[in-house]
N, C-alpha and C. Protein backbone atom coordinates (compact mmCIF):
# COMPACT_ATOMS: atom_id res chain seq x y z
N MET A 1 -48.73 -10.19 -22.25
CA MET A 1 -47.54 -10.45 -21.49
C MET A 1 -47.81 -10.15 -20.01
N ARG A 2 -47.45 -11.07 -19.16
CA ARG A 2 -47.71 -10.94 -17.74
C ARG A 2 -46.57 -10.20 -17.04
N ARG A 3 -46.93 -9.25 -16.22
CA ARG A 3 -45.93 -8.47 -15.48
C ARG A 3 -45.58 -9.21 -14.19
N LYS A 4 -44.27 -9.32 -13.91
CA LYS A 4 -43.82 -10.02 -12.71
C LYS A 4 -44.10 -9.17 -11.47
N ASN A 5 -44.39 -9.84 -10.40
CA ASN A 5 -44.69 -9.17 -9.14
C ASN A 5 -43.37 -8.78 -8.45
N PRO A 6 -43.13 -7.49 -8.21
CA PRO A 6 -41.86 -7.06 -7.61
C PRO A 6 -41.85 -7.10 -6.08
N TRP A 7 -42.82 -7.75 -5.45
CA TRP A 7 -42.90 -7.72 -4.00
C TRP A 7 -41.68 -8.33 -3.33
N TRP A 8 -41.15 -9.40 -3.86
CA TRP A 8 -39.97 -10.03 -3.25
C TRP A 8 -38.77 -9.10 -3.28
N PHE A 9 -38.63 -8.36 -4.37
CA PHE A 9 -37.52 -7.41 -4.51
C PHE A 9 -37.68 -6.26 -3.51
N ILE A 10 -38.89 -5.75 -3.37
CA ILE A 10 -39.16 -4.66 -2.42
C ILE A 10 -38.93 -5.14 -0.99
N LEU A 11 -39.32 -6.35 -0.68
CA LEU A 11 -39.11 -6.91 0.65
C LEU A 11 -37.63 -7.02 0.98
N ILE A 12 -36.82 -7.45 0.04
CA ILE A 12 -35.37 -7.55 0.26
C ILE A 12 -34.78 -6.16 0.50
N LEU A 13 -35.18 -5.19 -0.29
CA LEU A 13 -34.68 -3.83 -0.09
C LEU A 13 -35.07 -3.27 1.27
N ILE A 14 -36.28 -3.52 1.69
CA ILE A 14 -36.75 -3.04 2.99
C ILE A 14 -35.94 -3.68 4.12
N LEU A 15 -35.61 -4.95 3.98
CA LEU A 15 -34.84 -5.64 5.02
C LEU A 15 -33.38 -5.18 5.04
N LEU A 16 -32.83 -4.81 3.91
CA LEU A 16 -31.43 -4.41 3.85
C LEU A 16 -31.19 -2.94 4.22
N MET A 17 -32.19 -2.10 4.05
CA MET A 17 -32.01 -0.67 4.33
C MET A 17 -31.61 -0.38 5.78
N PRO A 18 -32.23 -0.95 6.79
CA PRO A 18 -31.81 -0.63 8.16
C PRO A 18 -30.39 -1.09 8.46
N LEU A 19 -29.99 -2.21 7.89
CA LEU A 19 -28.64 -2.70 8.14
C LEU A 19 -27.59 -1.76 7.57
N SER A 20 -27.77 -1.32 6.37
CA SER A 20 -26.79 -0.42 5.76
C SER A 20 -26.92 0.99 6.32
N GLY A 21 -28.10 1.43 6.65
CA GLY A 21 -28.31 2.77 7.18
C GLY A 21 -27.68 2.96 8.54
N CYS A 22 -27.78 1.98 9.42
CA CYS A 22 -27.20 2.09 10.75
C CYS A 22 -25.68 2.13 10.68
N ASP A 23 -25.11 1.34 9.81
CA ASP A 23 -23.66 1.29 9.70
C ASP A 23 -23.10 2.60 9.18
N THR A 24 -23.70 3.18 8.18
CA THR A 24 -23.17 4.42 7.61
C THR A 24 -23.40 5.61 8.54
N SER A 25 -24.45 5.59 9.35
CA SER A 25 -24.69 6.72 10.24
C SER A 25 -23.62 6.79 11.34
N ARG A 26 -23.15 5.64 11.82
CA ARG A 26 -22.11 5.65 12.84
C ARG A 26 -20.79 6.13 12.25
N GLN A 27 -20.48 5.73 11.04
CA GLN A 27 -19.22 6.13 10.43
C GLN A 27 -19.21 7.62 10.13
N SER A 28 -20.33 8.17 9.70
CA SER A 28 -20.34 9.59 9.35
C SER A 28 -20.15 10.47 10.58
N SER A 29 -20.67 10.08 11.75
CA SER A 29 -20.48 10.90 12.94
C SER A 29 -19.02 10.83 13.39
N ARG A 30 -18.41 9.67 13.26
CA ARG A 30 -16.99 9.56 13.61
C ARG A 30 -16.13 10.36 12.66
N SER A 31 -16.41 10.27 11.38
CA SER A 31 -15.58 10.98 10.41
C SER A 31 -15.74 12.49 10.56
N SER A 32 -16.94 12.96 10.89
CA SER A 32 -17.12 14.40 11.05
C SER A 32 -16.35 14.90 12.28
N LEU A 33 -16.27 14.09 13.33
CA LEU A 33 -15.49 14.48 14.49
C LEU A 33 -14.01 14.54 14.16
N SER A 34 -13.51 13.57 13.41
CA SER A 34 -12.10 13.60 13.05
C SER A 34 -11.82 14.71 12.06
N ASP A 35 -12.76 14.99 11.15
CA ASP A 35 -12.59 16.12 10.22
C ASP A 35 -12.54 17.43 10.98
N ASN A 36 -13.37 17.57 11.99
CA ASN A 36 -13.37 18.78 12.80
C ASN A 36 -12.04 18.93 13.54
N GLY A 37 -11.54 17.84 14.07
CA GLY A 37 -10.25 17.87 14.77
C GLY A 37 -9.12 18.24 13.83
N ARG A 38 -9.13 17.67 12.61
CA ARG A 38 -8.10 18.01 11.63
C ARG A 38 -8.18 19.47 11.23
N PHE A 39 -9.39 19.97 11.05
CA PHE A 39 -9.56 21.38 10.70
C PHE A 39 -9.00 22.29 11.80
N MET A 40 -9.30 21.96 13.04
CA MET A 40 -8.80 22.79 14.14
C MET A 40 -7.29 22.74 14.22
N ASP A 41 -6.68 21.57 13.94
CA ASP A 41 -5.22 21.47 13.92
C ASP A 41 -4.64 22.35 12.81
N LEU A 42 -5.26 22.31 11.64
CA LEU A 42 -4.77 23.12 10.54
C LEU A 42 -4.98 24.61 10.80
N TRP A 43 -6.10 24.94 11.43
CA TRP A 43 -6.35 26.34 11.77
C TRP A 43 -5.30 26.84 12.76
N SER A 44 -4.94 26.01 13.70
CA SER A 44 -3.90 26.37 14.67
C SER A 44 -2.56 26.56 13.96
N THR A 45 -2.25 25.69 13.01
CA THR A 45 -1.02 25.82 12.23
C THR A 45 -1.03 27.12 11.44
N TYR A 46 -2.15 27.43 10.80
CA TYR A 46 -2.27 28.67 10.03
C TYR A 46 -2.10 29.88 10.93
N THR A 47 -2.74 29.89 12.08
CA THR A 47 -2.66 31.02 13.01
C THR A 47 -1.23 31.19 13.51
N ASN A 48 -0.58 30.07 13.80
CA ASN A 48 0.81 30.12 14.25
C ASN A 48 1.70 30.71 13.16
N CYS A 49 1.48 30.28 11.93
CA CYS A 49 2.25 30.79 10.80
C CYS A 49 2.00 32.29 10.60
N TYR A 50 0.77 32.69 10.71
CA TYR A 50 0.38 34.09 10.49
C TYR A 50 1.01 35.02 11.53
N ARG A 51 1.07 34.56 12.77
CA ARG A 51 1.55 35.40 13.86
C ARG A 51 3.05 35.30 14.10
N SER A 52 3.68 34.29 13.51
CA SER A 52 5.09 34.04 13.78
C SER A 52 5.99 35.08 13.11
N GLU A 53 7.12 35.33 13.75
CA GLU A 53 8.14 36.19 13.15
C GLU A 53 9.37 35.37 12.76
N ASP A 54 9.38 34.10 13.14
CA ASP A 54 10.49 33.20 12.83
C ASP A 54 10.28 32.60 11.44
N LEU A 55 11.19 32.89 10.52
CA LEU A 55 11.04 32.42 9.14
C LEU A 55 11.07 30.89 9.03
N ASP A 56 11.89 30.24 9.83
CA ASP A 56 11.95 28.77 9.77
C ASP A 56 10.63 28.15 10.25
N ALA A 57 10.06 28.71 11.29
CA ALA A 57 8.77 28.21 11.79
C ALA A 57 7.67 28.46 10.75
N MET A 58 7.72 29.62 10.10
CA MET A 58 6.73 29.93 9.06
C MET A 58 6.87 28.96 7.89
N ARG A 59 8.11 28.66 7.51
CA ARG A 59 8.36 27.74 6.40
C ARG A 59 7.82 26.33 6.75
N THR A 60 8.07 25.89 7.96
CA THR A 60 7.59 24.57 8.39
C THR A 60 6.05 24.52 8.39
N ASP A 61 5.42 25.56 8.91
CA ASP A 61 3.95 25.60 8.93
C ASP A 61 3.39 25.64 7.52
N THR A 62 4.03 26.42 6.64
CA THR A 62 3.56 26.51 5.26
C THR A 62 3.67 25.17 4.55
N GLN A 63 4.76 24.47 4.79
CA GLN A 63 4.92 23.14 4.17
C GLN A 63 3.87 22.17 4.67
N GLN A 64 3.56 22.22 5.96
CA GLN A 64 2.53 21.34 6.51
C GLN A 64 1.16 21.65 5.90
N LEU A 65 0.82 22.91 5.79
CA LEU A 65 -0.46 23.30 5.19
C LEU A 65 -0.50 22.89 3.71
N SER A 66 0.59 23.08 3.01
CA SER A 66 0.65 22.70 1.60
C SER A 66 0.50 21.20 1.41
N ARG A 67 1.18 20.41 2.25
CA ARG A 67 1.07 18.95 2.18
C ARG A 67 -0.38 18.50 2.40
N HIS A 68 -1.03 19.08 3.38
CA HIS A 68 -2.42 18.70 3.67
C HIS A 68 -3.33 19.07 2.50
N THR A 69 -3.10 20.23 1.92
CA THR A 69 -3.92 20.66 0.77
C THR A 69 -3.75 19.70 -0.39
N HIS A 70 -2.53 19.32 -0.69
CA HIS A 70 -2.29 18.38 -1.79
C HIS A 70 -2.92 17.01 -1.51
N ASP A 71 -2.87 16.58 -0.25
CA ASP A 71 -3.48 15.29 0.12
C ASP A 71 -4.99 15.34 -0.08
N GLN A 72 -5.61 16.48 0.22
CA GLN A 72 -7.07 16.60 0.07
C GLN A 72 -7.50 16.64 -1.39
N LEU A 73 -6.64 17.13 -2.26
CA LEU A 73 -7.00 17.25 -3.67
C LEU A 73 -6.84 15.92 -4.42
N ARG A 74 -6.20 14.96 -3.84
CA ARG A 74 -6.03 13.66 -4.49
C ARG A 74 -7.26 12.84 -4.43
C-alpha cells in the first residue's frame, strides 16, 4: 500500500498559520487592556463599598459587583 505524500497539506497549514496568528495576537492585546480596565473599575467599586458608611451606596456597589460576578460565571 502506497502512503500519500502530505506535503500539500503541510504547505497549506504553513500558509494559513501567519494569517490566523496575526489576527488573534491583535485581539488578545485589546482584550487584555479592556479586561484590565474592567478589573480596575470593579476594584474601585469594591474599595468604595468597603470604605463607605452610606448603606444605600454600599447596597448599590454590592449589586454591581454581584451582577458582574454572575455575568462572568455564564
